[in-house]
Each structure stands twice: as structure tokens, then as C-alpha cells.
Amino acid sequence: MVIFRNKSGYQVFRDSDGVVRSVHKRVLEKKMGRPVRKGFDADHINRNKNDNRPSNLRELPFSVNRSPKRRRFW
């Protein structure tokens, strides 16, 4: 598997079907044992896009994760 960065700086890979997927989302799905729910994001708790440890990832609603107010404090 080859891992590269997308335009936003996130690590991504091509799965066996040729679909480009986010590494952090896949790691979170493995941790939870299920897919990330619709309307939710895989979030880096420490805001570091390179830190894909399961303990640094959580599922957050889009409205919380993408809030400009939240970004100000990180």
C-alpha cells in the first residue's frame, strides 16, 4: 500500500478497489469496529494531521468539527 498526501495535507491511500481513502478515517473505523456515521468526521484530537494513532482520533459531527469557533482554539 502506498500512502501519499492529498491537497489538504491528510495522508491517503488507494484501497483494493482503486478508491482513495483517508488513513485517519480508516484507523478510526478499525478502532470503533464500524464505519464513521453519516454526518460525522474522523477528527484529530490534537489537530496534527500526521498523528494517526487510534488514541488521537474520534468521531465528531460535521457541525462541531468544521466550526470556525472550534478552529480558533486549536
PDB file of N, CA and C in Angstrom:
ATOM      1  N   MET A   1       0.850  -1.177   0.000  1.00  0.00           N
ATOM      2  CA  MET A   1       0.000   0.000   0.000  1.00  0.00           C
ATOM      3  C   MET A   1       0.896   1.242   0.000  1.00  0.00           C
ATOM      4  N   VAL A   2       0.565   2.181  -0.837  1.00  0.00           N
ATOM      5  CA  VAL A   2       1.313   3.431  -0.929  1.00  0.00           C
ATOM      6  C   VAL A   2       0.497   4.531  -0.282  1.00  0.00           C
ATOM      7  N   ILE A   3       1.123   5.236   0.650  1.00  0.00           N
ATOM      8  CA  ILE A   3       0.460   6.349   1.336  1.00  0.00           C
ATOM      9  C   ILE A   3       1.042   7.650   0.795  1.00  0.00           C
ATOM     10  N   PHE A   4       0.173   8.590   0.464  1.00  0.00           N
ATOM     11  CA  PHE A   4       0.603   9.905  -0.012  1.00  0.00           C
ATOM     12  C   PHE A   4      -0.293  10.956   0.616  1.00  0.00           C
ATOM     13  N   ARG A   5      -0.025  12.225   0.359  1.00  0.00           N
ATOM     14  CA  ARG A   5      -0.810  13.322   0.942  1.00  0.00           C
ATOM     15  C   ARG A   5      -1.730  13.933  -0.117  1.00  0.00           C
ATOM     16  N   ASN A   6      -2.942  14.263   0.304  1.00  0.00           N
ATOM     17  CA  ASN A   6      -3.857  14.956  -0.601  1.00  0.00           C
ATOM     18  C   ASN A   6      -3.602  16.467  -0.531  1.00  0.00           C
ATOM     19  N   LYS A   7      -4.399  17.247  -1.249  1.00  0.00           N
ATOM     20  CA  LYS A   7      -4.207  18.708  -1.286  1.00  0.00           C
ATOM     21  C   LYS A   7      -4.356  19.369   0.079  1.00  0.00           C
ATOM     22  N   SER A   8      -5.125  18.753   0.956  1.00  0.00           N
ATOM     23  CA  SER A   8      -5.352  19.307   2.294  1.00  0.00           C
ATOM     24  C   SER A   8      -4.287  18.895   3.300  1.00  0.00           C
ATOM     25  N   GLY A   9      -3.362  18.032   2.880  1.00  0.00           N
ATOM     26  CA  GLY A   9      -2.280  17.612   3.761  1.00  0.00           C
ATOM     27  C   GLY A   9      -2.550  16.344   4.553  1.00  0.00           C
ATOM     28  N   TYR A  10      -3.695  15.706   4.307  1.00  0.00           N
ATOM     29  CA  TYR A  10      -4.016  14.458   5.003  1.00  0.00           C
ATOM     30  C   TYR A  10      -3.381  13.273   4.287  1.00  0.00           C
ATOM     31  N   GLN A  11      -2.963  12.267   5.052  1.00  0.00           N
ATOM     32  CA  GLN A  11      -2.429  11.039   4.472  1.00  0.00           C
ATOM     33  C   GLN A  11      -3.582  10.234   3.895  1.00  0.00           C
ATOM     34  N   VAL A  12      -3.408   9.767   2.657  1.00  0.00           N
ATOM     35  CA  VAL A  12      -4.425   8.973   1.976  1.00  0.00           C
ATOM     36  C   VAL A  12      -3.767   7.773   1.307  1.00  0.00           C
ATOM     37  N   PHE A  13      -4.589   6.803   0.923  1.00  0.00           N
ATOM     38  CA  PHE A  13      -4.106   5.620   0.210  1.00  0.00           C
ATOM     39  C   PHE A  13      -5.188   5.161  -0.756  1.00  0.00           C
ATOM     40  N   ARG A  14      -4.801   4.321  -1.700  1.00  0.00           N
ATOM     41  CA  ARG A  14      -5.742   3.717  -2.636  1.00  0.00           C
ATOM     42  C   ARG A  14      -6.084   2.325  -2.133  1.00  0.00           C
ATOM     43  N   ASP A  15      -7.381   2.055  -1.940  1.00  0.00           N
ATOM     44  CA  ASP A  15      -7.764   0.723  -1.469  1.00  0.00           C
ATOM     45  C   ASP A  15      -7.757  -0.262  -2.640  1.00  0.00           C
ATOM     46  N   SER A  16      -8.117  -1.500  -2.385  1.00  0.00           N
ATOM     47  CA  SER A  16      -8.047  -2.546  -3.409  1.00  0.00           C
ATOM     48  C   SER A  16      -8.984  -2.281  -4.586  1.00  0.00           C
ATOM     49  N   ASP A  17     -10.008  -1.440  -4.397  1.00  0.00           N
ATOM     50  CA  ASP A  17     -10.926  -1.081  -5.485  1.00  0.00           C
ATOM     51  C   ASP A  17     -10.473   0.159  -6.242  1.00  0.00           C
ATOM     52  N   GLY A  18      -9.329   0.729  -5.848  1.00  0.00           N
ATOM     53  CA  GLY A  18      -8.812   1.915  -6.510  1.00  0.00           C
ATOM     54  C   GLY A  18      -9.357   3.220  -5.966  1.00  0.00           C
ATOM     55  N   VAL A  19     -10.137   3.149  -4.904  1.00  0.00           N
ATOM     56  CA  VAL A  19     -10.720   4.350  -4.293  1.00  0.00           C
ATOM     57  C   VAL A  19      -9.705   4.961  -3.331  1.00  0.00           C
ATOM     58  N   VAL A  20      -9.526   6.287  -3.406  1.00  0.00           N
ATOM     59  CA  VAL A  20      -8.629   6.988  -2.490  1.00  0.00           C
ATOM     60  C   VAL A  20      -9.355   7.191  -1.166  1.00  0.00           C
ATOM     61  N   ARG A  21      -8.716   6.757  -0.075  1.00  0.00           N
ATOM     62  CA  ARG A  21      -9.318   6.842   1.261  1.00  0.00           C
ATOM     63  C   ARG A  21      -8.370   7.525   2.235  1.00  0.00           C
ATOM     64  N   SER A  22      -8.920   8.171   3.242  1.00  0.00           N
ATOM     65  CA  SER A  22      -8.132   8.827   4.278  1.00  0.00           C
ATOM     66  C   SER A  22      -7.608   7.797   5.271  1.00  0.00           C
ATOM     67  N   VAL A  23      -6.328   7.905   5.601  1.00  0.00           N
ATOM     68  CA  VAL A  23      -5.720   6.996   6.572  1.00  0.00           C
ATOM     69  C   VAL A  23      -6.379   7.180   7.938  1.00  0.00           C
ATOM     70  N   HIS A  24      -6.557   8.439   8.368  1.00  0.00           N
ATOM     71  CA  HIS A  24      -7.107   8.654   9.711  1.00  0.00           C
ATOM     72  C   HIS A  24      -8.540   8.127   9.837  1.00  0.00           C
ATOM     73  N   LYS A  25      -9.311   8.226   8.783  1.00  0.00           N
ATOM     74  CA  LYS A  25     -10.677   7.697   8.837  1.00  0.00           C
ATOM     75  C   LYS A  25     -10.652   6.170   8.927  1.00  0.00           C
ATOM     76  N   ARG A  26      -9.763   5.531   8.175  1.00  0.00           N
ATOM     77  CA  ARG A  26      -9.658   4.066   8.210  1.00  0.00           C
ATOM     78  C   ARG A  26      -9.183   3.572   9.579  1.00  0.00           C
ATOM     79  N   VAL A  27      -8.219   4.278  10.169  1.00  0.00           N
ATOM     80  CA  VAL A  27      -7.726   3.907  11.501  1.00  0.00           C
ATOM     81  C   VAL A  27      -8.857   4.034  12.524  1.00  0.00           C
ATOM     82  N   LEU A  28      -9.634   5.115  12.449  1.00  0.00           N
ATOM     83  CA  LEU A  28     -10.752   5.305  13.374  1.00  0.00           C
ATOM     84  C   LEU A  28     -11.800   4.210  13.191  1.00  0.00           C
ATOM     85  N   GLU A  29     -12.101   3.846  11.956  1.00  0.00           N
ATOM     86  CA  GLU A  29     -13.083   2.792  11.707  1.00  0.00           C
ATOM     87  C   GLU A  29     -12.617   1.456  12.287  1.00  0.00           C
ATOM     88  N   LYS A  30     -11.337   1.162  12.174  1.00  0.00           N
ATOM     89  CA  LYS A  30     -10.790  -0.062  12.766  1.00  0.00           C
ATOM     90  C   LYS A  30     -10.920  -0.005  14.291  1.00  0.00           C
ATOM     91  N   LYS A  31     -10.619   1.147  14.877  1.00  0.00           N
ATOM     92  CA  LYS A  31     -10.712   1.326  16.329  1.00  0.00           C
ATOM     93  C   LYS A  31     -12.147   1.105  16.820  1.00  0.00           C
ATOM     94  N   MET A  32     -13.128   1.676  16.098  1.00  0.00           N
ATOM     95  CA  MET A  32     -14.525   1.596  16.519  1.00  0.00           C
ATOM     96  C   MET A  32     -15.189   0.281  16.115  1.00  0.00           C
ATOM     97  N   GLY A  33     -14.625  -0.390  15.111  1.00  0.00           N
ATOM     98  CA  GLY A  33     -15.225  -1.630  14.626  1.00  0.00           C
ATOM     99  C   GLY A  33     -16.442  -1.411  13.747  1.00  0.00           C
ATOM    100  N   ARG A  34     -16.555  -0.202  13.194  1.00  0.00           N
ATOM    101  CA  ARG A  34     -17.685   0.145  12.319  1.00  0.00           C
ATOM    102  C   ARG A  34     -17.302   1.367  11.489  1.00  0.00           C
ATOM    103  N   PRO A  35     -18.051   1.637  10.418  1.00  0.00           N
ATOM    104  CA  PRO A  35     -17.780   2.840   9.621  1.00  0.00           C
ATOM    105  C   PRO A  35     -18.121   4.121  10.387  1.00  0.00           C
ATOM    106  N   VAL A  36     -17.499   5.214   9.996  1.00  0.00           N
ATOM    107  CA  VAL A  36     -17.848   6.532  10.538  1.00  0.00           C
ATOM    108  C   VAL A  36     -19.264   6.840  10.052  1.00  0.00           C
ATOM    109  N   ARG A  37     -20.121   7.281  10.967  1.00  0.00           N
ATOM    110  CA  ARG A  37     -21.525   7.541  10.642  1.00  0.00           C
ATOM    111  C   ARG A  37     -21.675   8.713   9.673  1.00  0.00           C
ATOM    112  N   LYS A  38     -22.771   8.694   8.912  1.00  0.00           N
ATOM    113  CA  LYS A  38     -23.092   9.819   8.021  1.00  0.00           C
ATOM    114  C   LYS A  38     -23.280  11.069   8.856  1.00  0.00           C
ATOM    115  N   GLY A  39     -22.750  12.180   8.358  1.00  0.00           N
ATOM    116  CA  GLY A  39     -22.868  13.438   9.086  1.00  0.00           C
ATOM    117  C   GLY A  39     -21.774  13.635  10.125  1.00  0.00           C
ATOM    118  N   PHE A  40     -20.814  12.716  10.167  1.00  0.00           N
ATOM    119  CA  PHE A  40     -19.718  12.779  11.129  1.00  0.00           C
ATOM    120  C   PHE A  40     -18.374  12.758  10.417  1.00  0.00           C
ATOM    121  N   ASP A  41     -17.351  13.273  11.077  1.00  0.00           N
ATOM    122  CA  ASP A  41     -15.971  13.289  10.590  1.00  0.00           C
ATOM    123  C   ASP A  41     -15.079  12.481  11.517  1.00  0.00           C
ATOM    124  N   ALA A  42     -13.969  12.013  10.977  1.00  0.00           N
ATOM    125  CA  ALA A  42     -12.886  11.475  11.800  1.00  0.00           C
ATOM    126  C   ALA A  42     -12.029  12.685  12.167  1.00  0.00           C
ATOM    127  N   ASP A  43     -11.872  12.952  13.451  1.00  0.00           N
ATOM    128  CA  ASP A  43     -11.200  14.158  13.934  1.00  0.00           C
ATOM    129  C   ASP A  43      -9.893  13.826  14.639  1.00  0.00           C
ATOM    130  N   HIS A  44      -8.845  14.603  14.335  1.00  0.00           N
ATOM    131  CA  HIS A  44      -7.584  14.513  15.061  1.00  0.00           C
ATOM    132  C   HIS A  44      -7.724  15.380  16.317  1.00  0.00           C
ATOM    133  N   ILE A  45      -7.697  14.765  17.471  1.00  0.00           N
ATOM    134  CA  ILE A  45      -7.901  15.484  18.727  1.00  0.00           C
ATOM    135  C   ILE A  45      -6.861  16.587  18.908  1.00  0.00           C
ATOM    136  N   ASN A  46      -5.588  16.294  18.602  1.00  0.00           N
ATOM    137  CA  ASN A  46      -4.527  17.289  18.788  1.00  0.00           C
ATOM    138  C   ASN A  46      -4.316  18.179  17.569  1.00  0.00           C
ATOM    139  N   ARG A  47      -5.177  18.069  16.558  1.00  0.00           N
ATOM    140  CA  ARG A  47      -5.164  18.874  15.326  1.00  0.00           C
ATOM    141  C   ARG A  47      -3.946  18.609  14.442  1.00  0.00           C
ATOM    142  N   ASN A  48      -3.149  17.572  14.734  1.00  0.00           N
ATOM    143  CA  ASN A  48      -1.971  17.223  13.947  1.00  0.00           C
ATOM    144  C   ASN A  48      -2.366  16.181  12.903  1.00  0.00           C
ATOM    145  N   LYS A  49      -2.375  16.567  11.625  1.00  0.00           N
ATOM    146  CA  LYS A  49      -2.796  15.685  10.537  1.00  0.00           C
ATOM    147  C   LYS A  49      -1.885  14.470  10.377  1.00  0.00           C
ATOM    148  N   ASN A  50      -0.684  14.535  10.915  1.00  0.00           N
ATOM    149  CA  ASN A  50       0.263  13.420  10.801  1.00  0.00           C
ATOM    150  C   ASN A  50       0.128  12.407  11.928  1.00  0.00           C
ATOM    151  N   ASP A  51      -0.638  12.726  12.956  1.00  0.00           N
ATOM    152  CA  ASP A  51      -0.765  11.861  14.133  1.00  0.00           C
ATOM    153  C   ASP A  51      -2.022  10.997  14.014  1.00  0.00           C
ATOM    154  N   ASN A  52      -1.855   9.834  13.384  1.00  0.00           N
ATOM    155  CA  ASN A  52      -2.992   8.948  13.137  1.00  0.00           C
ATOM    156  C   ASN A  52      -3.097   7.805  14.141  1.00  0.00           C
ATOM    157  N   ARG A  53      -2.578   8.015  15.349  1.00  0.00           N
ATOM    158  CA  ARG A  53      -2.731   6.996  16.398  1.00  0.00           C
ATOM    159  C   ARG A  53      -4.208   6.874  16.753  1.00  0.00           C
ATOM    160  N   PRO A  54      -4.691   5.645  16.989  1.00  0.00           N
ATOM    161  CA  PRO A  54      -6.106   5.479  17.362  1.00  0.00           C
ATOM    162  C   PRO A  54      -6.517   6.335  18.562  1.00  0.00           C
ATOM    163  N   SER A  55      -5.623   6.504  19.527  1.00  0.00           N
ATOM    164  CA  SER A  55      -5.959   7.294  20.720  1.00  0.00           C
ATOM    165  C   SER A  55      -6.119   8.787  20.413  1.00  0.00           C
ATOM    166  N   ASN A  56      -5.658   9.238  19.252  1.00  0.00           N
ATOM    167  CA  ASN A  56      -5.759  10.645  18.864  1.00  0.00           C
ATOM    168  C   ASN A  56      -6.936  10.901  17.919  1.00  0.00           C
ATOM    169  N   LEU A  57      -7.734   9.896  17.649  1.00  0.00           N
ATOM    170  CA  LEU A  57      -8.831  10.046  16.696  1.00  0.00           C
ATOM    171  C   LEU A  57     -10.174   9.840  17.394  1.00  0.00           C
ATOM    172  N   ARG A  58     -11.172  10.617  16.959  1.00  0.00           N
ATOM    173  CA  ARG A  58     -12.530  10.477  17.483  1.00  0.00           C
ATOM    174  C   ARG A  58     -13.516  10.852  16.393  1.00  0.00           C
ATOM    175  N   GLU A  59     -14.753  10.452  16.585  1.00  0.00           N
ATOM    176  CA  GLU A  59     -15.826  10.757  15.660  1.00  0.00           C
ATOM    177  C   GLU A  59     -16.558  11.998  16.170  1.00  0.00           C
ATOM    178  N   LEU A  60     -16.660  13.016  15.315  1.00  0.00           N
ATOM    179  CA  LEU A  60     -17.355  14.257  15.684  1.00  0.00           C
ATOM    180  C   LEU A  60     -18.355  14.634  14.595  1.00  0.00           C
ATOM    181  N   PRO A  61     -19.476  15.250  14.968  1.00  0.00           N
ATOM    182  CA  PRO A  61     -20.412  15.749  13.961  1.00  0.00           C
ATOM    183  C   PRO A  61     -19.732  16.820  13.092  1.00  0.00           C
ATOM    184  N   PHE A  62     -20.094  16.869  11.802  1.00  0.00           N
ATOM    185  CA  PHE A  62     -19.546  17.892  10.903  1.00  0.00           C
ATOM    186  C   PHE A  62     -19.650  19.276  11.516  1.00  0.00           C
ATOM    187  N   SER A  63     -20.831  19.578  12.078  1.00  0.00           N
ATOM    188  CA  SER A  63     -21.089  20.927  12.588  1.00  0.00           C
ATOM    189  C   SER A  63     -20.118  21.325  13.698  1.00  0.00           C
ATOM    190  N   VAL A  64     -19.647  20.369  14.474  1.00  0.00           N
ATOM    191  CA  VAL A  64     -18.688  20.657  15.542  1.00  0.00           C
ATOM    192  C   VAL A  64     -17.269  20.688  14.984  1.00  0.00           C
ATOM    193  N   ASN A  65     -16.922  19.698  14.188  1.00  0.00           N
ATOM    194  CA  ASN A  65     -15.558  19.577  13.686  1.00  0.00           C
ATOM    195  C   ASN A  65     -15.182  20.709  12.733  1.00  0.00           C
ATOM    196  N   ARG A  66     -16.125  21.176  11.969  1.00  0.00           N
ATOM    197  CA  ARG A  66     -15.825  22.211  10.962  1.00  0.00           C
ATOM    198  C   ARG A  66     -16.212  23.615  11.401  1.00  0.00           C
ATOM    199  N   SER A  67     -16.514  23.775  12.666  1.00  0.00           N
ATOM    200  CA  SER A  67     -16.914  25.069  13.197  1.00  0.00           C
ATOM    201  C   SER A  67     -15.726  26.034  13.237  1.00  0.00           C
ATOM    202  N   PRO A  68     -15.887  27.258  12.700  1.00  0.00           N
ATOM    203  CA  PRO A  68     -14.799  28.249  12.775  1.00  0.00           C
ATOM    204  C   PRO A  68     -14.414  28.558  14.221  1.00  0.00           C
ATOM    205  N   LYS A  69     -15.384  28.533  15.122  1.00  0.00           N
ATOM    206  CA  LYS A  69     -15.134  28.807  16.539  1.00  0.00           C
ATOM    207  C   LYS A  69     -14.181  27.754  17.115  1.00  0.00           C
ATOM    208  N   ARG A  70     -14.370  26.493  16.756  1.00  0.00           N
ATOM    209  CA  ARG A  70     -13.524  25.413  17.253  1.00  0.00           C
ATOM    210  C   ARG A  70     -12.093  25.585  16.754  1.00  0.00           C
ATOM    211  N   ARG A  71     -11.920  25.978  15.520  1.00  0.00           N
ATOM    212  CA  ARG A  71     -10.586  26.132  14.934  1.00  0.00           C
ATOM    213  C   ARG A  71      -9.776  27.212  15.626  1.00  0.00           C
ATOM    214  N   ARG A  72     -10.459  28.231  16.121  1.00  0.00           N
ATOM    215  CA  ARG A  72      -9.786  29.347  16.767  1.00  0.00           C
ATOM    216  C   ARG A  72      -8.995  28.893  18.010  1.00  0.00           C
ATOM    217  N   PHE A  73      -9.489  27.911  18.701  1.00  0.00           N
ATOM    218  CA  PHE A  73      -8.879  27.477  19.940  1.00  0.00           C
ATOM    219  C   PHE A  73      -7.811  26.403  19.753  1.00  0.00           C
ATOM    220  N   TRP A  74      -7.586  25.930  18.526  1.00  0.00           N
ATOM    221  CA  TRP A  74      -6.608  24.862  18.306  1.00  0.00           C
ATOM    222  C   TRP A  74      -5.439  25.392  17.576  1.00  0.00           C
TER     223      TRP A  74
END
